[in-house]
Amino acid sequence: MIANAVFITTIVFLALGIFCLQECQFLIPYRHVVFVRYGSMIAGFAAVLFLNIFAAVYTVCRAFFLKDTGRKLAHLEKQLRTGGPLAKELSRRLND
């Protein structure tokens, strides 16, 4: 799940970066000055922005993809306690 969140975050981050580059074309003649003078600040802002986007995407992924996990785990625990076919399969795999 973390790999999916990083992938989605990277895509969103690159899309935002391309959008900003298109909107700031008037700064092209001054790019050397901007990167030399404000490069570390831009990099820090970009890192914080990436982490914030990652946190939002990870939260959304957990909300959508882990929706019924508690119910599924309760069902698994019930089957393990009653000794159903799932318990036999798991014990066979653990012994191997």
PDB file of N, CA and C in Angstrom:
ATOM      1  N   MET A   1       0.823  -1.189   0.000  1.00  0.00           N
ATOM      2  CA  MET A   1       0.000   0.000   0.000  1.00  0.00           C
ATOM      3  C   MET A   1       0.871   1.258   0.000  1.00  0.00           C
ATOM      4  N   ILE A   2       2.003   1.197   0.678  1.00  0.00           N
ATOM      5  CA  ILE A   2       2.871   2.362   0.717  1.00  0.00           C
ATOM      6  C   ILE A   2       3.453   2.638  -0.671  1.00  0.00           C
ATOM      7  N   ALA A   3       3.779   1.562  -1.394  1.00  0.00           N
ATOM      8  CA  ALA A   3       4.322   1.746  -2.747  1.00  0.00           C
ATOM      9  C   ALA A   3       3.293   2.414  -3.649  1.00  0.00           C
ATOM     10  N   ASN A   4       2.036   2.020  -3.514  1.00  0.00           N
ATOM     11  CA  ASN A   4       0.980   2.655  -4.312  1.00  0.00           C
ATOM     12  C   ASN A   4       0.841   4.135  -3.963  1.00  0.00           C
ATOM     13  N   ALA A   5       0.909   4.441  -2.680  1.00  0.00           N
ATOM     14  CA  ALA A   5       0.784   5.831  -2.246  1.00  0.00           C
ATOM     15  C   ALA A   5       1.959   6.666  -2.751  1.00  0.00           C
ATOM     16  N   VAL A   6       3.170   6.108  -2.737  1.00  0.00           N
ATOM     17  CA  VAL A   6       4.333   6.835  -3.240  1.00  0.00           C
ATOM     18  C   VAL A   6       4.193   7.068  -4.740  1.00  0.00           C
ATOM     19  N   PHE A   7       3.720   6.061  -5.464  1.00  0.00           N
ATOM     20  CA  PHE A   7       3.536   6.188  -6.917  1.00  0.00           C
ATOM     21  C   PHE A   7       2.517   7.277  -7.245  1.00  0.00           C
ATOM     22  N   ILE A   8       1.379   7.251  -6.577  1.00  0.00           N
ATOM     23  CA  ILE A   8       0.336   8.262  -6.818  1.00  0.00           C
ATOM     24  C   ILE A   8       0.841   9.648  -6.424  1.00  0.00           C
ATOM     25  N   THR A   9       1.555   9.735  -5.303  1.00  0.00           N
ATOM     26  CA  THR A   9       2.104  11.011  -4.856  1.00  0.00           C
ATOM     27  C   THR A   9       3.098  11.568  -5.873  1.00  0.00           C
ATOM     28  N   THR A  10       3.927  10.697  -6.426  1.00  0.00           N
ATOM     29  CA  THR A  10       4.895  11.135  -7.422  1.00  0.00           C
ATOM     30  C   THR A  10       4.204  11.684  -8.665  1.00  0.00           C
ATOM     31  N   ILE A  11       3.153  11.011  -9.100  1.00  0.00           N
ATOM     32  CA  ILE A  11       2.419  11.474 -10.279  1.00  0.00           C
ATOM     33  C   ILE A  11       1.784  12.844 -10.008  1.00  0.00           C
ATOM     34  N   VAL A  12       1.147  12.987  -8.856  1.00  0.00           N
ATOM     35  CA  VAL A  12       0.516  14.268  -8.516  1.00  0.00           C
ATOM     36  C   VAL A  12       1.570  15.366  -8.382  1.00  0.00           C
ATOM     37  N   PHE A  13       2.688  15.049  -7.751  1.00  0.00           N
ATOM     38  CA  PHE A  13       3.760  16.025  -7.545  1.00  0.00           C
ATOM     39  C   PHE A  13       4.343  16.478  -8.887  1.00  0.00           C
ATOM     40  N   LEU A  14       4.573  15.533  -9.793  1.00  0.00           N
ATOM     41  CA  LEU A  14       5.082  15.902 -11.117  1.00  0.00           C
ATOM     42  C   LEU A  14       4.073  16.741 -11.890  1.00  0.00           C
ATOM     43  N   ALA A  15       2.792  16.408 -11.765  1.00  0.00           N
ATOM     44  CA  ALA A  15       1.760  17.205 -12.451  1.00  0.00           C
ATOM     45  C   ALA A  15       1.740  18.634 -11.910  1.00  0.00           C
ATOM     46  N   LEU A  16       1.851  18.778 -10.590  1.00  0.00           N
ATOM     47  CA  LEU A  16       1.906  20.123 -10.002  1.00  0.00           C
ATOM     48  C   LEU A  16       3.161  20.877 -10.449  1.00  0.00           C
ATOM     49  N   GLY A  17       4.273  20.171 -10.533  1.00  0.00           N
ATOM     50  CA  GLY A  17       5.510  20.803 -10.983  1.00  0.00           C
ATOM     51  C   GLY A  17       5.427  21.274 -12.430  1.00  0.00           C
ATOM     52  N   ILE A  18       4.850  20.459 -13.293  1.00  0.00           N
ATOM     53  CA  ILE A  18       4.691  20.850 -14.696  1.00  0.00           C
ATOM     54  C   ILE A  18       3.738  22.037 -14.808  1.00  0.00           C
ATOM     55  N   PHE A  19       2.684  22.026 -14.024  1.00  0.00           N
ATOM     56  CA  PHE A  19       1.753  23.155 -14.035  1.00  0.00           C
ATOM     57  C   PHE A  19       2.460  24.446 -13.597  1.00  0.00           C
ATOM     58  N   CYS A  20       3.261  24.351 -12.535  1.00  0.00           N
ATOM     59  CA  CYS A  20       3.989  25.553 -12.059  1.00  0.00           C
ATOM     60  C   CYS A  20       4.996  26.037 -13.090  1.00  0.00           C
ATOM     61  N   LEU A  21       5.669  25.117 -13.770  1.00  0.00           N
ATOM     62  CA  LEU A  21       6.626  25.524 -14.805  1.00  0.00           C
ATOM     63  C   LEU A  21       5.931  26.230 -15.964  1.00  0.00           C
ATOM     64  N   GLN A  22       4.735  25.788 -16.308  1.00  0.00           N
ATOM     65  CA  GLN A  22       3.994  26.447 -17.387  1.00  0.00           C
ATOM     66  C   GLN A  22       3.521  27.838 -16.967  1.00  0.00           C
ATOM     67  N   GLU A  23       3.144  27.981 -15.717  1.00  0.00           N
ATOM     68  CA  GLU A  23       2.633  29.269 -15.242  1.00  0.00           C
ATOM     69  C   GLU A  23       3.740  30.286 -14.984  1.00  0.00           C
ATOM     70  N   CYS A  24       4.959  29.833 -14.745  1.00  0.00           N
ATOM     71  CA  CYS A  24       6.059  30.742 -14.402  1.00  0.00           C
ATOM     72  C   CYS A  24       7.058  30.894 -15.546  1.00  0.00           C
ATOM     73  N   GLN A  25       6.581  30.900 -16.765  1.00  0.00           N
ATOM     74  CA  GLN A  25       7.482  31.033 -17.908  1.00  0.00           C
ATOM     75  C   GLN A  25       8.176  32.405 -17.935  1.00  0.00           C
ATOM     76  N   PHE A  26       7.585  33.395 -17.320  1.00  0.00           N
ATOM     77  CA  PHE A  26       8.197  34.722 -17.301  1.00  0.00           C
ATOM     78  C   PHE A  26       9.482  34.750 -16.478  1.00  0.00           C
ATOM     79  N   LEU A  27       9.729  33.711 -15.668  1.00  0.00           N
ATOM     80  CA  LEU A  27      10.954  33.659 -14.859  1.00  0.00           C
ATOM     81  C   LEU A  27      12.111  32.962 -15.565  1.00  0.00           C
ATOM     82  N   ILE A  28      11.906  32.494 -16.793  1.00  0.00           N
ATOM     83  CA  ILE A  28      12.956  31.763 -17.500  1.00  0.00           C
ATOM     84  C   ILE A  28      14.245  32.575 -17.633  1.00  0.00           C
ATOM     85  N   PRO A  29      14.191  33.871 -17.967  1.00  0.00           N
ATOM     86  CA  PRO A  29      15.460  34.618 -18.061  1.00  0.00           C
ATOM     87  C   PRO A  29      16.199  34.736 -16.727  1.00  0.00           C
ATOM     88  N   TYR A  30      15.514  34.555 -15.632  1.00  0.00           N
ATOM     89  CA  TYR A  30      16.116  34.721 -14.302  1.00  0.00           C
ATOM     90  C   TYR A  30      16.330  33.397 -13.577  1.00  0.00           C
ATOM     91  N   ARG A  31      16.270  32.277 -14.291  1.00  0.00           N
ATOM     92  CA  ARG A  31      16.329  30.968 -13.622  1.00  0.00           C
ATOM     93  C   ARG A  31      17.625  30.756 -12.861  1.00  0.00           C
ATOM     94  N   HIS A  32      18.729  31.210 -13.370  1.00  0.00           N
ATOM     95  CA  HIS A  32      20.001  31.032 -12.665  1.00  0.00           C
ATOM     96  C   HIS A  32      19.978  31.773 -11.327  1.00  0.00           C
ATOM     97  N   VAL A  33      19.519  32.995 -11.343  1.00  0.00           N
ATOM     98  CA  VAL A  33      19.446  33.790 -10.118  1.00  0.00           C
ATOM     99  C   VAL A  33      18.471  33.159  -9.123  1.00  0.00           C
ATOM    100  N   VAL A  34      17.322  32.697  -9.623  1.00  0.00           N
ATOM    101  CA  VAL A  34      16.309  32.113  -8.746  1.00  0.00           C
ATOM    102  C   VAL A  34      16.844  30.841  -8.090  1.00  0.00           C
ATOM    103  N   PHE A  35      17.491  29.971  -8.875  1.00  0.00           N
ATOM    104  CA  PHE A  35      17.976  28.714  -8.302  1.00  0.00           C
ATOM    105  C   PHE A  35      19.178  28.902  -7.396  1.00  0.00           C
ATOM    106  N   VAL A  36      20.043  29.847  -7.717  1.00  0.00           N
ATOM    107  CA  VAL A  36      21.198  30.078  -6.850  1.00  0.00           C
ATOM    108  C   VAL A  36      20.766  30.711  -5.533  1.00  0.00           C
ATOM    109  N   ARG A  37      19.879  31.677  -5.619  1.00  0.00           N
ATOM    110  CA  ARG A  37      19.494  32.419  -4.424  1.00  0.00           C
ATOM    111  C   ARG A  37      18.449  31.697  -3.580  1.00  0.00           C
ATOM    112  N   TYR A  38      17.481  31.064  -4.236  1.00  0.00           N
ATOM    113  CA  TYR A  38      16.357  30.457  -3.515  1.00  0.00           C
ATOM    114  C   TYR A  38      16.255  28.943  -3.716  1.00  0.00           C
ATOM    115  N   GLY A  39      17.278  28.313  -4.231  1.00  0.00           N
ATOM    116  CA  GLY A  39      17.239  26.880  -4.523  1.00  0.00           C
ATOM    117  C   GLY A  39      16.984  26.012  -3.300  1.00  0.00           C
ATOM    118  N   SER A  40      17.661  26.323  -2.197  1.00  0.00           N
ATOM    119  CA  SER A  40      17.466  25.509  -0.983  1.00  0.00           C
ATOM    120  C   SER A  40      16.064  25.699  -0.409  1.00  0.00           C
ATOM    121  N   MET A  41      15.548  26.902  -0.501  1.00  0.00           N
ATOM    122  CA  MET A  41      14.198  27.152  -0.009  1.00  0.00           C
ATOM    123  C   MET A  41      13.153  26.436  -0.889  1.00  0.00           C
ATOM    124  N   ILE A  42      13.371  26.464  -2.187  1.00  0.00           N
ATOM    125  CA  ILE A  42      12.461  25.767  -3.108  1.00  0.00           C
ATOM    126  C   ILE A  42      12.515  24.263  -2.856  1.00  0.00           C
ATOM    127  N   ALA A  43      13.720  23.715  -2.648  1.00  0.00           N
ATOM    128  CA  ALA A  43      13.860  22.280  -2.382  1.00  0.00           C
ATOM    129  C   ALA A  43      13.190  21.895  -1.063  1.00  0.00           C
ATOM    130  N   GLY A  44      13.343  22.705  -0.047  1.00  0.00           N
ATOM    131  CA  GLY A  44      12.685  22.423   1.237  1.00  0.00           C
ATOM    132  C   GLY A  44      11.176  22.466   1.118  1.00  0.00           C
ATOM    133  N   PHE A  45      10.666  23.477   0.432  1.00  0.00           N
ATOM    134  CA  PHE A  45       9.228  23.573   0.219  1.00  0.00           C
ATOM    135  C   PHE A  45       8.720  22.378  -0.571  1.00  0.00           C
ATOM    136  N   ALA A  46       9.480  21.961  -1.595  1.00  0.00           N
ATOM    137  CA  ALA A  46       9.076  20.809  -2.406  1.00  0.00           C
ATOM    138  C   ALA A  46       9.055  19.533  -1.573  1.00  0.00           C
ATOM    139  N   ALA A  47      10.028  19.367  -0.683  1.00  0.00           N
ATOM    140  CA  ALA A  47      10.063  18.167   0.169  1.00  0.00           C
ATOM    141  C   ALA A  47       8.872  18.139   1.127  1.00  0.00           C
ATOM    142  N   VAL A  48       8.572  19.275   1.735  1.00  0.00           N
ATOM    143  CA  VAL A  48       7.420  19.340   2.651  1.00  0.00           C
ATOM    144  C   VAL A  48       6.115  19.119   1.890  1.00  0.00           C
ATOM    145  N   LEU A  49       6.006  19.683   0.699  1.00  0.00           N
ATOM    146  CA  LEU A  49       4.820  19.488  -0.128  1.00  0.00           C
ATOM    147  C   LEU A  49       4.657  18.024  -0.505  1.00  0.00           C
ATOM    148  N   PHE A  50       5.765  17.357  -0.871  1.00  0.00           N
ATOM    149  CA  PHE A  50       5.710  15.933  -1.212  1.00  0.00           C
ATOM    150  C   PHE A  50       5.235  15.113  -0.024  1.00  0.00           C
ATOM    151  N   LEU A  51       5.751  15.408   1.165  1.00  0.00           N
ATOM    152  CA  LEU A  51       5.336  14.655   2.365  1.00  0.00           C
ATOM    153  C   LEU A  51       3.863  14.891   2.688  1.00  0.00           C
ATOM    154  N   ASN A  52       3.382  16.112   2.523  1.00  0.00           N
ATOM    155  CA  ASN A  52       1.973  16.402   2.787  1.00  0.00           C
ATOM    156  C   ASN A  52       1.065  15.701   1.780  1.00  0.00           C
ATOM    157  N   ILE A  53       1.449  15.724   0.517  1.00  0.00           N
ATOM    158  CA  ILE A  53       0.651  15.014  -0.493  1.00  0.00           C
ATOM    159  C   ILE A  53       0.665  13.517  -0.210  1.00  0.00           C
ATOM    160  N   PHE A  54       1.842  12.985   0.165  1.00  0.00           N
ATOM    161  CA  PHE A  54       1.935  11.568   0.502  1.00  0.00           C
ATOM    162  C   PHE A  54       1.020  11.208   1.667  1.00  0.00           C
ATOM    163  N   ALA A  55       1.008  12.036   2.707  1.00  0.00           N
ATOM    164  CA  ALA A  55       0.149  11.760   3.862  1.00  0.00           C
ATOM    165  C   ALA A  55      -1.322  11.760   3.466  1.00  0.00           C
ATOM    166  N   ALA A  56      -1.712  12.696   2.618  1.00  0.00           N
ATOM    167  CA  ALA A  56      -3.114  12.744   2.182  1.00  0.00           C
ATOM    168  C   ALA A  56      -3.467  11.529   1.341  1.00  0.00           C
ATOM    169  N   VAL A  57      -2.595  11.164   0.412  1.00  0.00           N
ATOM    170  CA  VAL A  57      -2.863  10.004  -0.451  1.00  0.00           C
ATOM    171  C   VAL A  57      -2.880   8.728   0.374  1.00  0.00           C
ATOM    172  N   TYR A  58      -1.960   8.586   1.310  1.00  0.00           N
ATOM    173  CA  TYR A  58      -1.907   7.387   2.152  1.00  0.00           C
ATOM    174  C   TYR A  58      -3.173   7.265   3.001  1.00  0.00           C
ATOM    175  N   THR A  59      -3.647   8.380   3.538  1.00  0.00           N
ATOM    176  CA  THR A  59      -4.874   8.369   4.330  1.00  0.00           C
ATOM    177  C   THR A  59      -6.074   7.968   3.478  1.00  0.00           C
ATOM    178  N   VAL A  60      -6.154   8.507   2.279  1.00  0.00           N
ATOM    179  CA  VAL A  60      -7.262   8.164   1.385  1.00  0.00           C
ATOM    180  C   VAL A  60      -7.189   6.695   0.988  1.00  0.00           C
ATOM    181  N   CYS A  61      -5.993   6.201   0.686  1.00  0.00           N
ATOM    182  CA  CYS A  61      -5.841   4.787   0.329  1.00  0.00           C
ATOM    183  C   CYS A  61      -6.256   3.873   1.478  1.00  0.00           C
ATOM    184  N   ARG A  62      -5.872   4.226   2.685  1.00  0.00           N
ATOM    185  CA  ARG A  62      -6.274   3.407   3.833  1.00  0.00           C
ATOM    186  C   ARG A  62      -7.790   3.423   4.023  1.00  0.00           C
ATOM    187  N   ALA A  63      -8.403   4.576   3.796  1.00  0.00           N
ATOM    188  CA  ALA A  63      -9.854   4.679   3.981  1.00  0.00           C
ATOM    189  C   ALA A  63     -10.602   3.844   2.950  1.00  0.00           C
ATOM    190  N   PHE A  64     -10.098   3.814   1.713  1.00  0.00           N
ATOM    191  CA  PHE A  64     -10.804   3.083   0.662  1.00  0.00           C
ATOM    192  C   PHE A  64     -10.467   1.603   0.615  1.00  0.00           C
ATOM    193  N   PHE A  65      -9.191   1.243   0.812  1.00  0.00           N
ATOM    194  CA  PHE A  65      -8.776  -0.134   0.601  1.00  0.00           C
ATOM    195  C   PHE A  65      -8.810  -0.995   1.856  1.00  0.00           C
ATOM    196  N   LEU A  66      -8.858  -0.401   3.030  1.00  0.00           N
ATOM    197  CA  LEU A  66      -8.921  -1.180   4.268  1.00  0.00           C
ATOM    198  C   LEU A  66     -10.273  -1.011   4.956  1.00  0.00           C
ATOM    199  N   LYS A  67     -11.304  -0.878   4.143  1.00  0.00           N
ATOM    200  CA  LYS A  67     -12.622  -0.581   4.685  1.00  0.00           C
ATOM    201  C   LYS A  67     -13.185  -1.727   5.531  1.00  0.00           C
ATOM    202  N   ASP A  68     -13.115  -2.952   5.044  1.00  0.00           N
ATOM    203  CA  ASP A  68     -13.749  -4.082   5.715  1.00  0.00           C
ATOM    204  C   ASP A  68     -12.735  -4.992   6.408  1.00  0.00           C
ATOM    205  N   THR A  69     -11.581  -4.488   6.737  1.00  0.00           N
ATOM    206  CA  THR A  69     -10.542  -5.331   7.308  1.00  0.00           C
ATOM    207  C   THR A  69     -10.953  -5.877   8.670  1.00  0.00           C
ATOM    208  N   GLY A  70     -11.544  -5.064   9.508  1.00  0.00           N
ATOM    209  CA  GLY A  70     -11.954  -5.535  10.826  1.00  0.00           C
ATOM    210  C   GLY A  70     -12.978  -6.646  10.744  1.00  0.00           C
ATOM    211  N   ARG A  71     -13.933  -6.509   9.847  1.00  0.00           N
ATOM    212  CA  ARG A  71     -14.952  -7.544   9.670  1.00  0.00           C
ATOM    213  C   ARG A  71     -14.334  -8.833   9.135  1.00  0.00           C
ATOM    214  N   LYS A  72     -13.406  -8.709   8.202  1.00  0.00           N
ATOM    215  CA  LYS A  72     -12.749  -9.885   7.632  1.00  0.00           C
ATOM    216  C   LYS A  72     -11.886 -10.588   8.669  1.00  0.00           C
ATOM    217  N   LEU A  73     -11.174  -9.811   9.499  1.00  0.00           N
ATOM    218  CA  LEU A  73     -10.360 -10.425  10.536  1.00  0.00           C
ATOM    219  C   LEU A  73     -11.223 -11.092  11.601  1.00  0.00           C
ATOM    220  N   ALA A  74     -12.369 -10.524  11.919  1.00  0.00           N
ATOM    221  CA  ALA A  74     -13.277 -11.154  12.874  1.00  0.00           C
ATOM    222  C   ALA A  74     -13.795 -12.476  12.321  1.00  0.00           C
ATOM    223  N   HIS A  75     -14.096 -12.510  11.034  1.00  0.00           N
ATOM    224  CA  HIS A  75     -14.551 -13.747  10.393  1.00  0.00           C
ATOM    225  C   HIS A  75     -13.439 -14.796  10.411  1.00  0.00           C
ATOM    226  N   LEU A  76     -12.198 -14.391  10.134  1.00  0.00           N
ATOM    227  CA  LEU A  76     -11.066 -15.309  10.165  1.00  0.00           C
ATOM    228  C   LEU A  76     -10.849 -15.852  11.570  1.00  0.00           C
ATOM    229  N   GLU A  77     -10.932 -14.976  12.565  1.00  0.00           N
ATOM    230  CA  GLU A  77     -10.751 -15.425  13.945  1.00  0.00           C
ATOM    231  C   GLU A  77     -11.846 -16.412  14.350  1.00  0.00           C
ATOM    232  N   LYS A  78     -13.059 -16.158  13.924  1.00  0.00           N
ATOM    233  CA  LYS A  78     -14.166 -17.073  14.221  1.00  0.00           C
ATOM    234  C   LYS A  78     -13.907 -18.441  13.604  1.00  0.00           C
ATOM    235  N   GLN A  79     -13.420 -18.465  12.379  1.00  0.00           N
ATOM    236  CA  GLN A  79     -13.133 -19.749  11.737  1.00  0.00           C
ATOM    237  C   GLN A  79     -11.973 -20.460  12.409  1.00  0.00           C
ATOM    238  N   LEU A  80     -10.973 -19.718  12.847  1.00  0.00           N
ATOM    239  CA  LEU A  80      -9.841 -20.336  13.524  1.00  0.00           C
ATOM    240  C   LEU A  80     -10.255 -20.930  14.868  1.00  0.00           C
ATOM    241  N   ARG A  81     -11.146 -20.255  15.579  1.00  0.00           N
ATOM    242  CA  ARG A  81     -11.592 -20.751  16.890  1.00  0.00           C
ATOM    243  C   ARG A  81     -12.479 -21.989  16.764  1.00  0.00           C
ATOM    244  N   THR A  82     -13.270 -22.070  15.717  1.00  0.00           N
ATOM    245  CA  THR A  82     -14.172 -23.210  15.551  1.00  0.00           C
ATOM    246  C   THR A  82     -13.490 -24.396  14.895  1.00  0.00           C
ATOM    247  N   GLY A  83     -12.264 -24.196  14.366  1.00  0.00           N
ATOM    248  CA  GLY A  83     -11.544 -25.312  13.759  1.00  0.00           C
ATOM    249  C   GLY A  83     -12.074 -25.663  12.386  1.00  0.00           C
ATOM    250  N   GLY A  84     -12.493 -24.701  11.640  1.00  0.00           N
ATOM    251  CA  GLY A  84     -13.016 -24.923  10.294  1.00  0.00           C
ATOM    252  C   GLY A  84     -11.925 -25.293   9.305  1.00  0.00           C
ATOM    253  N   PRO A  85     -12.301 -25.392   8.043  1.00  0.00           N
ATOM    254  CA  PRO A  85     -11.325 -25.796   7.017  1.00  0.00           C
ATOM    255  C   PRO A  85     -10.182 -24.786   6.855  1.00  0.00           C
ATOM    256  N   LEU A  86     -10.453 -23.547   7.140  1.00  0.00           N
ATOM    257  CA  LEU A  86      -9.406 -22.542   7.040  1.00  0.00           C
ATOM    258  C   LEU A  86      -8.334 -22.771   8.098  1.00  0.00           C
ATOM    259  N   ALA A  87      -8.747 -23.167   9.288  1.00  0.00           N
ATOM    260  CA  ALA A  87      -7.787 -23.437  10.358  1.00  0.00           C
ATOM    261  C   ALA A  87      -6.895 -24.620   9.990  1.00  0.00           C
ATOM    262  N   LYS A  88      -7.467 -25.634   9.383  1.00  0.00           N
ATOM    263  CA  LYS A  88      -6.677 -26.804   8.967  1.00  0.00           C
ATOM    264  C   LYS A  88      -5.670 -26.412   7.886  1.00  0.00           C
ATOM    265  N   GLU A  89      -6.108 -25.587   6.939  1.00  0.00           N
ATOM    266  CA  GLU A  89      -5.219 -25.142   5.866  1.00  0.00           C
ATOM    267  C   GLU A  89      -4.067 -24.297   6.416  1.00  0.00           C
ATOM    268  N   LEU A  90      -4.377 -23.391   7.334  1.00  0.00           N
ATOM    269  CA  LEU A  90      -3.326 -22.557   7.921  1.00  0.00           C
ATOM    270  C   LEU A  90      -2.340 -23.369   8.759  1.00  0.00           C
ATOM    271  N   SER A  91      -2.843 -24.315   9.534  1.00  0.00           N
ATOM    272  CA  SER A  91      -1.951 -25.128  10.344  1.00  0.00           C
ATOM    273  C   SER A  91      -1.064 -26.010   9.461  1.00  0.00           C
ATOM    274  N   ARG A  92      -1.613 -26.498   8.334  1.00  0.00           N
ATOM    275  CA  ARG A  92      -0.806 -27.302   7.412  1.00  0.00           C
ATOM    276  C   ARG A  92       0.305 -26.453   6.807  1.00  0.00           C
ATOM    277  N   ARG A  93      -0.016 -25.213   6.427  1.00  0.00           N
ATOM    278  CA  ARG A  93       0.995 -24.335   5.826  1.00  0.00           C
ATOM    279  C   ARG A  93       2.051 -23.904   6.850  1.00  0.00           C
ATOM    280  N   LEU A  94       1.639 -23.712   8.098  1.00  0.00           N
ATOM    281  CA  LEU A  94       2.592 -23.320   9.130  1.00  0.00           C
ATOM    282  C   LEU A  94       3.547 -24.473   9.470  1.00  0.00           C
ATOM    283  N   ASN A  95       3.075 -25.689   9.378  1.00  0.00           N
ATOM    284  CA  ASN A  95       3.923 -26.853   9.674  1.00  0.00           C
ATOM    285  C   ASN A  95       4.927 -27.122   8.570  1.00  0.00           C
ATOM    286  N   ASP A  96       4.640 -26.683   7.356  1.00  0.00           N
ATOM    287  CA  ASP A  96       5.567 -26.915   6.221  1.00  0.00           C
ATOM    288  C   ASP A  96       6.767 -26.072   6.280  1.00  0.00           C
TER     289      ASP A  96
END
